[in-house]
Amino acid sequence: MPKVDKSIVGIHNKEAVINTIRDNSPIFRAEIARLTGLSIPTVMKITDEFKESGLIYESGKRTSEVGKPPKLLSFVPDAKYIIGVDVGTTHVGAVLMDLSARILLREWVPTHDGHAFPQVLEQTIQCIQKILDASSEYAGKILGIGVGVPGLISVETGKIILLPLSAGMKVTFWCR
């Protein structure tokens, strides 16, 4: 049996917990554990980490007759932001979104037939820069930028095998 990388398992567990909280807010830790299949201690460790980073907050308690009342946890969609970029054959678009995928800012630039990859790349950079310039109030809270481009990816290697915009240029992208 192949070894499992603990860091990958940790990332998977965190994704499961944050997605469960986002989709079911407000929610109790015990319910998160039940829905994800994770242990209560694992859920507590992850939710404490998320609470510390501002991704979730305690939004109330359930009254109970016996013992310590469980706390409800809620998702904070505006704790961080993401920039998404779509590099198409007819346009370059970029959006700034909160963590619930609500679009806050949008830029769109048409590309012209026959534009070579360097021009499309420059337009992509300009589009991202416009979003960054318009989003100064979100500075320091942007998690990252995801870029989508048209093309074919090898399932075995994860490498792009056809990128129409590159016109024969050697272009390396990290595919996930």
N, C-alpha and C. Protein backbone atom coordinates (compact mmCIF):
# COMPACT_ATOMS: atom_id res chain seq x y z
N MET A 1 0.84 -1.18 0.00
CA MET A 1 0.00 0.00 0.00
C MET A 1 0.89 1.24 0.00
N PRO A 2 0.62 2.23 -0.88
CA PRO A 2 1.46 3.42 -0.94
C PRO A 2 1.31 4.29 0.31
N LYS A 3 2.40 4.98 0.65
CA LYS A 3 2.38 5.88 1.79
C LYS A 3 1.52 7.09 1.48
N VAL A 4 0.85 7.60 2.50
CA VAL A 4 0.02 8.78 2.34
C VAL A 4 0.77 9.96 2.95
N ASP A 5 0.90 11.02 2.18
CA ASP A 5 1.58 12.22 2.64
C ASP A 5 0.67 12.93 3.66
N LYS A 6 1.15 13.07 4.90
CA LYS A 6 0.35 13.67 5.97
C LYS A 6 -0.07 15.10 5.65
N SER A 7 0.78 15.85 4.95
CA SER A 7 0.42 17.23 4.63
C SER A 7 -0.77 17.27 3.67
N ILE A 8 -0.84 16.31 2.75
CA ILE A 8 -1.97 16.24 1.81
C ILE A 8 -3.25 15.89 2.57
N VAL A 9 -3.15 14.96 3.51
CA VAL A 9 -4.32 14.60 4.32
C VAL A 9 -4.78 15.82 5.12
N GLY A 10 -3.84 16.56 5.69
CA GLY A 10 -4.17 17.75 6.46
C GLY A 10 -4.89 18.79 5.61
N ILE A 11 -4.41 19.00 4.40
CA ILE A 11 -5.05 19.96 3.48
C ILE A 11 -6.46 19.48 3.14
N HIS A 12 -6.59 18.19 2.85
CA HIS A 12 -7.91 17.62 2.53
C HIS A 12 -8.87 17.81 3.70
N ASN A 13 -8.41 17.54 4.93
CA ASN A 13 -9.25 17.69 6.11
C ASN A 13 -9.68 19.14 6.30
N LYS A 14 -8.75 20.08 6.11
CA LYS A 14 -9.09 21.50 6.24
C LYS A 14 -10.12 21.92 5.20
N GLU A 15 -9.94 21.44 3.96
CA GLU A 15 -10.90 21.75 2.91
C GLU A 15 -12.28 21.20 3.27
N ALA A 16 -12.32 19.98 3.78
CA ALA A 16 -13.61 19.37 4.15
C ALA A 16 -14.29 20.17 5.24
N VAL A 17 -13.53 20.61 6.24
CA VAL A 17 -14.10 21.36 7.36
C VAL A 17 -14.58 22.73 6.90
N ILE A 18 -13.77 23.47 6.16
CA ILE A 18 -14.19 24.83 5.76
C ILE A 18 -15.37 24.77 4.80
N ASN A 19 -15.38 23.78 3.90
CA ASN A 19 -16.51 23.64 2.98
C ASN A 19 -17.79 23.29 3.74
N THR A 20 -17.68 22.45 4.75
CA THR A 20 -18.84 22.07 5.55
C THR A 20 -19.37 23.27 6.32
N ILE A 21 -18.48 24.06 6.89
CA ILE A 21 -18.92 25.26 7.62
C ILE A 21 -19.55 26.25 6.65
N ARG A 22 -18.90 26.48 5.52
CA ARG A 22 -19.43 27.43 4.54
C ARG A 22 -20.83 27.02 4.07
N ASP A 23 -21.01 25.74 3.81
CA ASP A 23 -22.28 25.25 3.26
C ASP A 23 -23.38 25.07 4.30
N ASN A 24 -23.01 25.04 5.59
CA ASN A 24 -24.00 24.72 6.64
C ASN A 24 -24.03 25.72 7.79
N SER A 25 -23.45 26.90 7.63
CA SER A 25 -23.40 27.88 8.73
C SER A 25 -24.81 28.29 9.15
N PRO A 26 -25.03 28.47 10.45
CA PRO A 26 -24.16 28.10 11.57
C PRO A 26 -24.25 26.60 11.85
N ILE A 27 -23.17 26.06 12.40
CA ILE A 27 -23.08 24.61 12.61
C ILE A 27 -22.23 24.33 13.85
N PHE A 28 -22.55 23.22 14.52
CA PHE A 28 -21.80 22.77 15.69
C PHE A 28 -20.63 21.90 15.26
N ARG A 29 -19.58 21.88 16.09
CA ARG A 29 -18.41 21.05 15.79
C ARG A 29 -18.78 19.57 15.65
N ALA A 30 -19.67 19.10 16.50
CA ALA A 30 -20.06 17.69 16.44
C ALA A 30 -20.72 17.38 15.10
N GLU A 31 -21.49 18.31 14.58
CA GLU A 31 -22.14 18.11 13.28
C GLU A 31 -21.10 18.12 12.16
N ILE A 32 -20.08 18.98 12.29
CA ILE A 32 -18.98 19.00 11.30
C ILE A 32 -18.30 17.64 11.29
N ALA A 33 -18.02 17.11 12.47
CA ALA A 33 -17.37 15.79 12.57
C ALA A 33 -18.24 14.72 11.93
N ARG A 34 -19.55 14.76 12.19
CA ARG A 34 -20.45 13.75 11.61
C ARG A 34 -20.48 13.86 10.09
N LEU A 35 -20.57 15.09 9.56
CA LEU A 35 -20.68 15.27 8.11
C LEU A 35 -19.38 14.96 7.37
N THR A 36 -18.24 15.23 8.01
CA THR A 36 -16.95 15.02 7.34
C THR A 36 -16.35 13.65 7.61
N GLY A 37 -16.80 13.00 8.70
CA GLY A 37 -16.21 11.72 9.08
C GLY A 37 -14.91 11.89 9.86
N LEU A 38 -14.58 13.12 10.23
CA LEU A 38 -13.36 13.38 11.00
C LEU A 38 -13.66 13.25 12.49
N SER A 39 -12.61 13.04 13.28
CA SER A 39 -12.78 12.94 14.73
C SER A 39 -13.04 14.33 15.31
N ILE A 40 -13.68 14.35 16.48
CA ILE A 40 -13.94 15.63 17.17
C ILE A 40 -12.63 16.37 17.45
N PRO A 41 -11.56 15.69 17.98
CA PRO A 41 -10.31 16.42 18.21
C PRO A 41 -9.74 17.05 16.93
N THR A 42 -9.83 16.33 15.80
CA THR A 42 -9.34 16.89 14.54
C THR A 42 -10.15 18.11 14.15
N VAL A 43 -11.47 18.01 14.27
CA VAL A 43 -12.35 19.14 13.94
C VAL A 43 -12.05 20.32 14.87
N MET A 44 -11.85 20.05 16.15
CA MET A 44 -11.56 21.14 17.10
C MET A 44 -10.25 21.83 16.75
N LYS A 45 -9.22 21.05 16.43
CA LYS A 45 -7.93 21.63 16.07
C LYS A 45 -8.06 22.52 14.83
N ILE A 46 -8.73 22.01 13.81
CA ILE A 46 -8.87 22.77 12.56
C ILE A 46 -9.74 24.01 12.77
N THR A 47 -10.86 23.87 13.49
CA THR A 47 -11.73 25.03 13.68
C THR A 47 -11.07 26.09 14.56
N ASP A 48 -10.27 25.67 15.54
CA ASP A 48 -9.52 26.65 16.34
C ASP A 48 -8.56 27.44 15.46
N GLU A 49 -7.92 26.74 14.54
CA GLU A 49 -7.00 27.39 13.60
C GLU A 49 -7.75 28.39 12.70
N PHE A 50 -8.91 27.97 12.19
CA PHE A 50 -9.72 28.85 11.34
C PHE A 50 -10.24 30.06 12.12
N LYS A 51 -10.63 29.82 13.38
CA LYS A 51 -11.13 30.92 14.22
C LYS A 51 -10.03 31.94 14.46
N GLU A 52 -8.83 31.44 14.75
CA GLU A 52 -7.68 32.31 14.98
C GLU A 52 -7.34 33.16 13.75
N SER A 53 -7.51 32.58 12.56
CA SER A 53 -7.19 33.31 11.32
C SER A 53 -8.35 34.17 10.82
N GLY A 54 -9.50 34.11 11.50
CA GLY A 54 -10.62 34.96 11.14
C GLY A 54 -11.54 34.40 10.06
N LEU A 55 -11.34 33.14 9.67
CA LEU A 55 -12.19 32.54 8.63
C LEU A 55 -13.57 32.13 9.17
N ILE A 56 -13.65 31.87 10.47
CA ILE A 56 -14.92 31.52 11.10
C ILE A 56 -15.02 32.25 12.43
N TYR A 57 -16.23 32.29 13.00
CA TYR A 57 -16.40 32.87 14.33
C TYR A 57 -17.48 32.10 15.07
N GLU A 58 -17.46 32.23 16.40
CA GLU A 58 -18.49 31.60 17.22
C GLU A 58 -19.72 32.50 17.18
N SER A 59 -20.82 31.97 16.64
CA SER A 59 -22.00 32.80 16.40
C SER A 59 -23.14 32.53 17.37
N GLY A 60 -22.89 31.77 18.40
CA GLY A 60 -23.93 31.50 19.38
C GLY A 60 -23.70 30.17 20.06
N LYS A 61 -24.63 29.88 21.00
CA LYS A 61 -24.56 28.62 21.75
C LYS A 61 -25.94 28.00 21.77
N ARG A 62 -25.95 26.68 21.88
CA ARG A 62 -27.23 25.99 22.07
C ARG A 62 -27.43 25.84 23.57
N THR A 63 -28.61 26.17 24.02
CA THR A 63 -28.88 25.99 25.44
C THR A 63 -29.05 24.50 25.70
N SER A 64 -28.45 24.07 26.77
CA SER A 64 -28.57 22.65 27.12
C SER A 64 -28.78 22.53 28.62
N GLU A 65 -29.42 21.46 28.99
CA GLU A 65 -29.72 21.23 30.40
C GLU A 65 -28.49 20.76 31.17
N VAL A 66 -27.62 19.99 30.49
CA VAL A 66 -26.49 19.37 31.16
C VAL A 66 -25.20 19.70 30.41
N GLY A 67 -24.14 19.96 31.17
CA GLY A 67 -22.82 20.14 30.55
C GLY A 67 -22.64 21.50 29.89
N LYS A 68 -21.50 21.62 29.30
CA LYS A 68 -21.13 22.87 28.61
C LYS A 68 -21.92 22.97 27.30
N PRO A 69 -22.59 24.11 27.07
CA PRO A 69 -23.37 24.22 25.83
C PRO A 69 -22.47 24.31 24.60
N PRO A 70 -22.81 23.55 23.54
CA PRO A 70 -21.99 23.60 22.32
C PRO A 70 -22.11 24.95 21.62
N LYS A 71 -21.03 25.35 20.96
CA LYS A 71 -21.00 26.65 20.28
C LYS A 71 -21.24 26.47 18.79
N LEU A 72 -22.02 27.38 18.24
CA LEU A 72 -22.25 27.41 16.80
C LEU A 72 -21.10 28.12 16.12
N LEU A 73 -20.69 27.63 14.97
CA LEU A 73 -19.63 28.25 14.19
C LEU A 73 -20.22 28.75 12.87
N SER A 74 -19.79 29.94 12.46
CA SER A 74 -20.25 30.51 11.20
C SER A 74 -19.06 30.93 10.35
N PHE A 75 -19.27 30.88 9.05
CA PHE A 75 -18.28 31.22 8.04
C PHE A 75 -18.21 32.74 7.87
N VAL A 76 -17.00 33.27 7.64
CA VAL A 76 -16.80 34.70 7.39
C VAL A 76 -16.34 34.85 5.93
N PRO A 77 -17.27 35.08 4.99
CA PRO A 77 -16.90 35.10 3.57
C PRO A 77 -15.96 36.23 3.19
N ASP A 78 -15.99 37.32 3.95
CA ASP A 78 -15.12 38.45 3.60
C ASP A 78 -13.83 38.48 4.42
N ALA A 79 -13.45 37.34 4.99
CA ALA A 79 -12.19 37.27 5.73
C ALA A 79 -11.00 37.36 4.78
N LYS A 80 -11.16 36.80 3.59
CA LYS A 80 -10.12 36.80 2.56
C LYS A 80 -10.78 36.93 1.20
N TYR A 81 -9.95 37.19 0.19
CA TYR A 81 -10.46 37.37 -1.17
C TYR A 81 -9.59 36.60 -2.16
N ILE A 82 -10.17 36.35 -3.33
CA ILE A 82 -9.50 35.59 -4.38
C ILE A 82 -9.68 36.32 -5.70
N ILE A 83 -8.63 36.30 -6.52
CA ILE A 83 -8.75 36.84 -7.88
C ILE A 83 -8.81 35.65 -8.83
N GLY A 84 -9.80 35.66 -9.69
CA GLY A 84 -9.94 34.63 -10.71
C GLY A 84 -9.75 35.26 -12.08
N VAL A 85 -8.99 34.59 -12.93
CA VAL A 85 -8.69 35.12 -14.27
C VAL A 85 -9.09 34.09 -15.31
N ASP A 86 -9.76 34.56 -16.35
CA ASP A 86 -10.14 33.71 -17.48
C ASP A 86 -9.44 34.25 -18.72
N VAL A 87 -8.48 33.49 -19.23
CA VAL A 87 -7.78 33.88 -20.45
C VAL A 87 -8.41 33.07 -21.57
N GLY A 88 -9.26 33.73 -22.35
CA GLY A 88 -9.96 33.05 -23.43
C GLY A 88 -9.37 33.41 -24.78
N THR A 89 -9.96 32.85 -25.81
CA THR A 89 -9.49 33.17 -27.16
C THR A 89 -10.06 34.48 -27.66
N THR A 90 -11.11 35.01 -27.00
CA THR A 90 -11.71 36.28 -27.42
C THR A 90 -11.61 37.38 -26.38
N HIS A 91 -11.18 37.03 -25.17
CA HIS A 91 -11.14 38.02 -24.09
C HIS A 91 -10.20 37.57 -22.97
N VAL A 92 -9.90 38.53 -22.11
CA VAL A 92 -9.27 38.25 -20.82
C VAL A 92 -10.18 38.87 -19.79
N GLY A 93 -10.58 38.09 -18.80
CA GLY A 93 -11.45 38.59 -17.75
C GLY A 93 -10.85 38.30 -16.39
N ALA A 94 -11.12 39.18 -15.44
CA ALA A 94 -10.65 38.97 -14.07
C ALA A 94 -11.74 39.42 -13.11
N VAL A 95 -11.85 38.71 -12.00
CA VAL A 95 -12.81 39.07 -10.97
C VAL A 95 -12.14 38.99 -9.60
N LEU A 96 -12.62 39.83 -8.69
CA LEU A 96 -12.25 39.73 -7.28
C LEU A 96 -13.48 39.17 -6.58
N MET A 97 -13.28 38.08 -5.84
CA MET A 97 -14.40 37.41 -5.16
C MET A 97 -14.09 37.24 -3.68
N ASP A 98 -15.17 37.21 -2.88
CA ASP A 98 -14.98 36.82 -1.50
C ASP A 98 -14.98 35.29 -1.44
N LEU A 99 -14.86 34.73 -0.26
CA LEU A 99 -14.73 33.28 -0.14
C LEU A 99 -16.01 32.50 -0.42
N SER A 100 -17.12 33.23 -0.57
CA SER A 100 -18.36 32.56 -0.97
C SER A 100 -18.59 32.69 -2.47
N ALA A 101 -17.57 33.16 -3.19
CA ALA A 101 -17.59 33.33 -4.65
C ALA A 101 -18.49 34.48 -5.11
N ARG A 102 -18.80 35.41 -4.21
CA ARG A 102 -19.55 36.61 -4.58
C ARG A 102 -18.58 37.55 -5.28
N ILE A 103 -18.93 37.96 -6.50
CA ILE A 103 -18.05 38.83 -7.29
C ILE A 103 -18.18 40.26 -6.80
N LEU A 104 -17.04 40.86 -6.46
CA LEU A 104 -17.00 42.23 -5.96
C LEU A 104 -16.52 43.21 -7.02
N LEU A 105 -15.57 42.79 -7.83
CA LEU A 105 -15.04 43.62 -8.92
C LEU A 105 -14.88 42.75 -10.15
N ARG A 106 -15.02 43.39 -11.33
CA ARG A 106 -14.90 42.64 -12.58
C ARG A 106 -14.20 43.52 -13.62
N GLU A 107 -13.26 42.93 -14.34
CA GLU A 107 -12.59 43.59 -15.48
C GLU A 107 -12.68 42.65 -16.66
N TRP A 108 -12.81 43.19 -17.84
CA TRP A 108 -12.94 42.39 -19.05
C TRP A 108 -12.28 43.14 -20.19
N VAL A 109 -11.39 42.49 -20.90
CA VAL A 109 -10.68 43.11 -22.01
C VAL A 109 -10.79 42.18 -23.22
N PRO A 110 -11.29 42.69 -24.35
CA PRO A 110 -11.34 41.82 -25.53
C PRO A 110 -9.94 41.61 -26.10
N THR A 111 -9.72 40.42 -26.63
CA THR A 111 -8.48 40.16 -27.36
C THR A 111 -8.86 40.07 -28.83
N HIS A 112 -7.90 40.25 -29.67
CA HIS A 112 -8.18 40.27 -31.10
C HIS A 112 -7.62 39.02 -31.75
N ASP A 113 -8.31 38.56 -32.79
CA ASP A 113 -7.83 37.40 -33.53
C ASP A 113 -6.39 37.64 -33.96
N GLY A 114 -5.59 36.63 -33.83
CA GLY A 114 -4.21 36.74 -34.28
C GLY A 114 -3.27 37.29 -33.22
N HIS A 115 -3.80 37.66 -32.04
CA HIS A 115 -2.91 38.13 -30.98
C HIS A 115 -2.01 36.99 -30.55
N ALA A 116 -0.75 37.25 -30.52
CA ALA A 116 0.23 36.25 -30.10
C ALA A 116 0.24 36.17 -28.57
N PHE A 117 0.79 35.08 -28.06
CA PHE A 117 0.81 34.85 -26.62
C PHE A 117 1.41 36.01 -25.83
N PRO A 118 2.51 36.63 -26.26
CA PRO A 118 3.05 37.74 -25.47
C PRO A 118 2.05 38.89 -25.29
N GLN A 119 1.26 39.19 -26.33
CA GLN A 119 0.26 40.26 -26.21
C GLN A 119 -0.87 39.84 -25.26
N VAL A 120 -1.30 38.58 -25.38
CA VAL A 120 -2.36 38.09 -24.50
C VAL A 120 -1.86 38.07 -23.05
N LEU A 121 -0.63 37.68 -22.84
CA LEU A 121 -0.05 37.68 -21.50
C LEU A 121 0.00 39.10 -20.94
N GLU A 122 0.39 40.06 -21.75
CA GLU A 122 0.42 41.46 -21.33
C GLU A 122 -0.98 41.95 -20.96
N GLN A 123 -1.98 41.60 -21.77
CA GLN A 123 -3.36 41.98 -21.47
C GLN A 123 -3.83 41.33 -20.16
N THR A 124 -3.40 40.10 -19.93
CA THR A 124 -3.76 39.40 -18.70
C THR A 124 -3.17 40.13 -17.49
N ILE A 125 -1.92 40.51 -17.59
CA ILE A 125 -1.26 41.24 -16.50
C ILE A 125 -1.95 42.57 -16.26
N GLN A 126 -2.31 43.28 -17.33
CA GLN A 126 -3.00 44.57 -17.19
C GLN A 126 -4.37 44.39 -16.53
N CYS A 127 -5.07 43.34 -16.90
CA CYS A 127 -6.39 43.06 -16.33
C CYS A 127 -6.27 42.79 -14.82
N ILE A 128 -5.30 41.98 -14.44
CA ILE A 128 -5.06 41.69 -13.02
C ILE A 128 -4.67 42.97 -12.29
N GLN A 129 -3.82 43.78 -12.91
CA GLN A 129 -3.39 45.03 -12.28
C GLN A 129 -4.57 45.97 -12.05
N LYS A 130 -5.51 46.02 -13.00
CA LYS A 130 -6.70 46.86 -12.82
C LYS A 130 -7.51 46.40 -11.60
N ILE A 131 -7.63 45.09 -11.44
CA ILE A 131 -8.34 44.56 -10.27
C ILE A 131 -7.60 44.95 -9.00
N LEU A 132 -6.28 44.78 -8.99
CA LEU A 132 -5.49 45.12 -7.80
C LEU A 132 -5.58 46.60 -7.49
N ASP A 133 -5.52 47.45 -8.51
CA ASP A 133 -5.60 48.90 -8.31
C ASP A 133 -6.97 49.30 -7.75
N ALA A 134 -8.02 48.63 -8.21
CA ALA A 134 -9.37 48.97 -7.77
C ALA A 134 -9.74 48.33 -6.43
N SER A 135 -8.88 47.46 -5.93
CA SER A 135 -9.22 46.71 -4.72
C SER A 135 -8.32 47.06 -3.54
N SER A 136 -7.90 48.31 -3.45
CA SER A 136 -6.97 48.69 -2.38
C SER A 136 -7.55 48.42 -0.99
N GLU A 137 -8.88 48.51 -0.85
CA GLU A 137 -9.48 48.24 0.46
C GLU A 137 -9.35 46.77 0.87
N TYR A 138 -9.05 45.91 -0.09
CA TYR A 138 -8.89 44.48 0.18
C TYR A 138 -7.42 44.07 0.28
N ALA A 139 -6.52 45.03 0.14
CA ALA A 139 -5.08 44.74 0.14
C ALA A 139 -4.70 43.97 1.40
N GLY A 140 -3.84 43.02 1.23
CA GLY A 140 -3.39 42.21 2.35
C GLY A 140 -4.33 41.06 2.69
N LYS A 141 -5.51 41.04 2.05
CA LYS A 141 -6.47 39.98 2.32
C LYS A 141 -6.70 39.09 1.10
N ILE A 142 -5.88 39.29 0.06
CA ILE A 142 -6.02 38.48 -1.15
C ILE A 142 -5.19 37.20 -0.99
N LEU A 143 -5.86 36.06 -1.04
CA LEU A 143 -5.19 34.77 -0.86
C LEU A 143 -4.35 34.37 -2.04
N GLY A 144 -4.84 34.64 -3.25
CA GLY A 144 -4.11 34.21 -4.43
C GLY A 144 -4.87 34.50 -5.69
N ILE A 145 -4.27 34.09 -6.79
CA ILE A 145 -4.83 34.31 -8.12
C ILE A 145 -4.90 32.96 -8.82
N GLY A 146 -6.07 32.64 -9.33
CA GLY A 146 -6.24 31.42 -10.13
C GLY A 146 -6.44 31.83 -11.57
N VAL A 147 -5.74 31.17 -12.48
CA VAL A 147 -5.81 31.52 -13.90
C VAL A 147 -6.27 30.31 -14.70
N GLY A 148 -7.30 30.52 -15.51
CA GLY A 148 -7.78 29.46 -16.40
C GLY A 148 -7.44 29.81 -17.83
N VAL A 149 -6.89 28.85 -18.56
CA VAL A 149 -6.56 29.05 -19.97
C VAL A 149 -7.11 27.87 -20.77
N PRO A 150 -7.48 28.10 -22.04
CA PRO A 150 -7.97 26.99 -22.84
C PRO A 150 -6.81 26.09 -23.26
N GLY A 151 -7.03 24.81 -23.26
CA GLY A 151 -5.98 23.89 -23.69
C GLY A 151 -6.28 22.48 -23.24
N LEU A 152 -5.40 21.58 -23.63
CA LEU A 152 -5.51 20.18 -23.25
C LEU A 152 -4.41 19.83 -22.27
N ILE A 153 -4.77 19.06 -21.25
CA ILE A 153 -3.81 18.67 -20.22
C ILE A 153 -3.67 17.15 -20.23
N SER A 154 -2.44 16.68 -20.12
CA SER A 154 -2.18 15.25 -20.00
C SER A 154 -2.59 14.80 -18.60
N VAL A 155 -3.47 13.83 -18.53
CA VAL A 155 -3.92 13.30 -17.24
C VAL A 155 -2.77 12.65 -16.50
N GLU A 156 -1.87 11.98 -17.22
CA GLU A 156 -0.76 11.27 -16.59
C GLU A 156 0.27 12.21 -15.98
N THR A 157 0.62 13.28 -16.70
CA THR A 157 1.71 14.16 -16.25
C THR A 157 1.23 15.46 -15.63
N GLY A 158 -0.02 15.87 -15.90
CA GLY A 158 -0.50 17.16 -15.41
C GLY A 158 0.03 18.32 -16.21
N LYS A 159 0.73 18.06 -17.32
CA LYS A 159 1.30 19.12 -18.14
C LYS A 159 0.37 19.47 -19.29
N ILE A 160 0.43 20.74 -19.69
CA ILE A 160 -0.36 21.19 -20.83
C ILE A 160 0.27 20.62 -22.10
N ILE A 161 -0.57 19.97 -22.92
CA ILE A 161 -0.05 19.41 -24.17
C ILE A 161 -0.50 20.22 -25.39
N LEU A 162 -1.54 21.06 -25.21
CA LEU A 162 -1.97 21.94 -26.29
C LEU A 162 -2.49 23.22 -25.68
N LEU A 163 -1.90 24.33 -26.05
CA LEU A 163 -2.32 25.65 -25.58
C LEU A 163 -2.48 26.53 -26.80
N PRO A 164 -3.71 26.71 -27.31
CA PRO A 164 -3.93 27.45 -28.54
C PRO A 164 -3.32 28.85 -28.55
N LEU A 165 -3.30 29.52 -27.40
CA LEU A 165 -2.79 30.89 -27.36
C LEU A 165 -1.28 30.98 -27.49
N SER A 166 -0.57 29.87 -27.29
CA SER A 166 0.89 29.94 -27.26
C SER A 166 1.53 29.94 -28.64
N ALA A 167 0.78 29.58 -29.66
CA ALA A 167 1.28 29.59 -31.05
C ALA A 167 2.67 28.97 -31.17
N GLY A 168 2.85 27.78 -30.61
CA GLY A 168 4.11 27.06 -30.76
C GLY A 168 5.18 27.43 -29.76
N MET A 169 4.95 28.46 -28.91
CA MET A 169 5.94 28.83 -27.90
C MET A 169 5.95 27.77 -26.80
N LYS A 170 7.09 27.59 -26.16
CA LYS A 170 7.16 26.69 -25.01
C LYS A 170 6.71 27.48 -23.78
N VAL A 171 5.58 27.09 -23.23
CA VAL A 171 5.01 27.77 -22.08
C VAL A 171 4.79 26.73 -21.00
N THR A 172 5.28 26.99 -19.80
CA THR A 172 5.12 26.05 -18.70
C THR A 172 4.13 26.62 -17.69
N PHE A 173 3.12 25.82 -17.35
CA PHE A 173 2.15 26.20 -16.34
C PHE A 173 2.11 25.10 -15.31
N TRP A 174 1.78 25.46 -14.09
CA TRP A 174 1.57 24.47 -13.05
C TRP A 174 0.09 24.13 -13.09
N CYS A 175 -0.21 22.89 -13.32
CA CYS A 175 -1.60 22.46 -13.44
C CYS A 175 -2.01 21.72 -12.19
N ARG A 176 -3.15 22.08 -11.65
CA ARG A 176 -3.67 21.39 -10.47
C ARG A 176 -5.12 21.11 -10.68
